[in-house]
Amino acid sequence: MKHFYDINKLLILITSFLYLTFWGGIAAQIVLGIIQILMSVTLIVHFKTLSKLVKNLFKAYVITTLSFIVLFRIIGHFGIGGFQFIFLWLFLSMGLALFHLYITYKIKLS
């Protein structure tokens, strides 16, 4: 788990660079999300070994992620879309990715 930060940092840098092409950034965001989900599953499996701070941060991350999923489902249900929706999704997704990066950074330090 100590290498999660390095992997996460590299993927976020690649994703950020690919956002210069917009569609490349969207594709990279999907790959980043899948890898962060796999990292999160590993964190759940090893949850007992994490420090109290990391546990609290990870719980906040999961609650925030689930809240955004529900929010986007509600927005999608009402048919609200367009470029504003895409940019909101991209902005919040990258924010969550950076929060996940911070969690993996704290794991690396402990």
C-alpha atoms as a PDB file:
ATOM      1  CA  MET A   1       0.000   0.000   0.000  1.00  0.00           C
ATOM      2  CA  LYS A   2       3.003   2.289   0.382  1.00  0.00           C
ATOM      3  CA  HIS A   3       3.325   2.513  -3.424  1.00  0.00           C
ATOM      4  CA  PHE A   4      -0.297   3.586  -3.935  1.00  0.00           C
ATOM      5  CA  TYR A   5       0.706   7.234  -3.613  1.00  0.00           C
ATOM      6  CA  ASP A   6       3.342   7.019  -6.337  1.00  0.00           C
ATOM      7  CA  ILE A   7       0.982   5.192  -8.707  1.00  0.00           C
ATOM      8  CA  ASN A   8      -1.841   7.596  -7.907  1.00  0.00           C
ATOM      9  CA  LYS A   9       0.364  10.670  -8.399  1.00  0.00           C
ATOM     10  CA  LEU A  10       1.614   9.429 -11.782  1.00  0.00           C
ATOM     11  CA  LEU A  11      -1.919   8.675 -12.998  1.00  0.00           C
ATOM     12  CA  ILE A  12      -3.222  12.071 -11.862  1.00  0.00           C
ATOM     13  CA  LEU A  13      -0.361  13.822 -13.664  1.00  0.00           C
ATOM     14  CA  ILE A  14      -1.086  11.861 -16.855  1.00  0.00           C
ATOM     15  CA  THR A  15      -4.802  12.600 -16.550  1.00  0.00           C
ATOM     16  CA  SER A  16      -4.147  16.298 -15.979  1.00  0.00           C
ATOM     17  CA  PHE A  17      -1.880  16.429 -19.012  1.00  0.00           C
ATOM     18  CA  LEU A  18      -4.424  14.597 -21.174  1.00  0.00           C
ATOM     19  CA  TYR A  19      -7.133  17.093 -20.186  1.00  0.00           C
ATOM     20  CA  LEU A  20      -5.399  19.447 -22.599  1.00  0.00           C
ATOM     21  CA  THR A  21      -7.053  17.315 -25.295  1.00  0.00           C
ATOM     22  CA  PHE A  22     -10.377  17.168 -23.342  1.00  0.00           C
ATOM     23  CA  TRP A  23     -11.525  13.762 -24.652  1.00  0.00           C
ATOM     24  CA  GLY A  24      -8.177  12.226 -23.751  1.00  0.00           C
ATOM     25  CA  GLY A  25      -8.662  13.579 -20.251  1.00  0.00           C
ATOM     26  CA  ILE A  26     -12.098  12.031 -19.999  1.00  0.00           C
ATOM     27  CA  ALA A  27     -10.728   8.651 -21.083  1.00  0.00           C
ATOM     28  CA  ALA A  28      -7.808   8.979 -18.655  1.00  0.00           C
ATOM     29  CA  GLN A  29     -10.231   9.945 -15.864  1.00  0.00           C
ATOM     30  CA  ILE A  30     -12.071   6.671 -16.388  1.00  0.00           C
ATOM     31  CA  VAL A  31      -8.832   4.679 -16.154  1.00  0.00           C
ATOM     32  CA  LEU A  32      -7.805   6.675 -13.068  1.00  0.00           C
ATOM     33  CA  GLY A  33     -11.188   5.992 -11.479  1.00  0.00           C
ATOM     34  CA  ILE A  34     -10.982   2.248 -12.083  1.00  0.00           C
ATOM     35  CA  ILE A  35      -7.501   2.073 -10.572  1.00  0.00           C
ATOM     36  CA  GLN A  36      -8.584   4.166  -7.584  1.00  0.00           C
ATOM     37  CA  ILE A  37     -11.543   1.831  -7.058  1.00  0.00           C
ATOM     38  CA  LEU A  38      -9.135  -1.119  -6.974  1.00  0.00           C
ATOM     39  CA  MET A  39      -6.936   0.762  -4.494  1.00  0.00           C
ATOM     40  CA  SER A  40     -10.009   1.524  -2.372  1.00  0.00           C
ATOM     41  CA  VAL A  41     -10.988  -2.147  -2.302  1.00  0.00           C
ATOM     42  CA  THR A  42      -7.485  -2.944  -1.068  1.00  0.00           C
ATOM     43  CA  LEU A  43      -7.815  -0.243   1.597  1.00  0.00           C
ATOM     44  CA  ILE A  44     -11.120  -1.755   2.721  1.00  0.00           C
ATOM     45  CA  VAL A  45      -9.505  -5.197   2.984  1.00  0.00           C
ATOM     46  CA  HIS A  46      -6.677  -3.766   5.113  1.00  0.00           C
ATOM     47  CA  PHE A  47      -8.855  -1.238   6.938  1.00  0.00           C
ATOM     48  CA  LYS A  48      -7.886  -2.441  10.418  1.00  0.00           C
ATOM     49  CA  THR A  49      -4.204  -1.763   9.779  1.00  0.00           C
ATOM     50  CA  LEU A  50      -4.739   1.879   8.786  1.00  0.00           C
ATOM     51  CA  SER A  51      -4.130   4.772  11.161  1.00  0.00           C
ATOM     52  CA  LYS A  52      -7.100   6.522  12.739  1.00  0.00           C
ATOM     53  CA  LEU A  53      -6.575   9.608  10.562  1.00  0.00           C
ATOM     54  CA  VAL A  54      -6.510   7.559   7.358  1.00  0.00           C
ATOM     55  CA  LYS A  55      -9.599   5.625   8.458  1.00  0.00           C
ATOM     56  CA  ASN A  56     -11.497   8.880   9.023  1.00  0.00           C
ATOM     57  CA  LEU A  57     -10.294  10.352   5.730  1.00  0.00           C
ATOM     58  CA  PHE A  58     -11.249   7.193   3.870  1.00  0.00           C
ATOM     59  CA  LYS A  59     -14.706   7.150   5.455  1.00  0.00           C
ATOM     60  CA  ALA A  60     -15.186  10.776   4.399  1.00  0.00           C
ATOM     61  CA  TYR A  61     -14.010   9.874   0.883  1.00  0.00           C
ATOM     62  CA  VAL A  62     -16.489   7.010   0.597  1.00  0.00           C
ATOM     63  CA  ILE A  63     -19.390   9.108   1.918  1.00  0.00           C
ATOM     64  CA  THR A  64     -18.507  11.982  -0.423  1.00  0.00           C
ATOM     65  CA  THR A  65     -18.187   9.643  -3.408  1.00  0.00           C
ATOM     66  CA  LEU A  66     -21.527   7.988  -2.693  1.00  0.00           C
ATOM     67  CA  SER A  67     -23.149  11.409  -2.252  1.00  0.00           C
ATOM     68  CA  PHE A  68     -21.870  12.536  -5.647  1.00  0.00           C
ATOM     69  CA  ILE A  69     -23.115   9.323  -7.265  1.00  0.00           C
ATOM     70  CA  VAL A  70     -26.579   9.933  -5.830  1.00  0.00           C
ATOM     71  CA  LEU A  71     -26.439  13.594  -6.889  1.00  0.00           C
ATOM     72  CA  PHE A  72     -25.525  12.701 -10.469  1.00  0.00           C
ATOM     73  CA  ARG A  73     -28.247  10.045 -10.596  1.00  0.00           C
ATOM     74  CA  ILE A  74     -30.809  12.626  -9.475  1.00  0.00           C
ATOM     75  CA  ILE A  75     -29.551  15.156 -12.006  1.00  0.00           C
ATOM     76  CA  GLY A  76     -29.634  12.493 -14.725  1.00  0.00           C
ATOM     77  CA  HIS A  77     -33.146  11.436 -13.716  1.00  0.00           C
ATOM     78  CA  PHE A  78     -34.456  14.941 -14.353  1.00  0.00           C
ATOM     79  CA  GLY A  79     -32.739  15.081 -17.724  1.00  0.00           C
ATOM     80  CA  ILE A  80     -30.449  17.937 -16.824  1.00  0.00           C
ATOM     81  CA  GLY A  81     -27.349  17.658 -18.956  1.00  0.00           C
ATOM     82  CA  GLY A  82     -25.201  19.469 -21.427  1.00  0.00           C
ATOM     83  CA  PHE A  83     -21.732  20.851 -21.129  1.00  0.00           C
ATOM     84  CA  GLN A  84     -22.337  22.308 -17.671  1.00  0.00           C
ATOM     85  CA  PHE A  85     -23.142  18.816 -16.407  1.00  0.00           C
ATOM     86  CA  ILE A  86     -20.019  17.372 -18.059  1.00  0.00           C
ATOM     87  CA  PHE A  87     -17.787  20.082 -16.603  1.00  0.00           C
ATOM     88  CA  LEU A  88     -19.348  19.634 -13.154  1.00  0.00           C
ATOM     89  CA  TRP A  89     -18.756  15.889 -13.397  1.00  0.00           C
ATOM     90  CA  LEU A  90     -15.136  16.410 -14.510  1.00  0.00           C
ATOM     91  CA  PHE A  91     -14.429  18.977 -11.803  1.00  0.00           C
ATOM     92  CA  LEU A  92     -15.919  16.877  -8.984  1.00  0.00           C
ATOM     93  CA  SER A  93     -14.299  13.669 -10.256  1.00  0.00           C
ATOM     94  CA  MET A  94     -10.887  15.282 -10.306  1.00  0.00           C
ATOM     95  CA  GLY A  95     -11.519  16.690  -6.825  1.00  0.00           C
ATOM     96  CA  LEU A  96     -12.295  13.193  -5.574  1.00  0.00           C
ATOM     97  CA  ALA A  97      -9.180  11.872  -7.310  1.00  0.00           C
ATOM     98  CA  LEU A  98      -7.076  14.496  -5.526  1.00  0.00           C
ATOM     99  CA  PHE A  99      -8.711  13.602  -2.207  1.00  0.00           C
ATOM    100  CA  HIS A 100      -7.819   9.947  -2.860  1.00  0.00           C
ATOM    101  CA  LEU A 101      -4.264  11.065  -3.648  1.00  0.00           C
ATOM    102  CA  TYR A 102      -4.109  12.830  -0.274  1.00  0.00           C
ATOM    103  CA  ILE A 103      -5.297   9.668   1.496  1.00  0.00           C
ATOM    104  CA  THR A 104      -2.623   7.577  -0.218  1.00  0.00           C
ATOM    105  CA  TYR A 105      -0.058  10.250   0.693  1.00  0.00           C
ATOM    106  CA  LYS A 106      -1.027   9.915   4.360  1.00  0.00           C
ATOM    107  CA  ILE A 107      -0.685   6.127   4.065  1.00  0.00           C
ATOM    108  CA  LYS A 108       2.795   6.526   2.600  1.00  0.00           C
ATOM    109  CA  LEU A 109       3.822   8.721   5.548  1.00  0.00           C
ATOM    110  CA  SER A 110       2.595   6.265   8.175  1.00  0.00           C
END
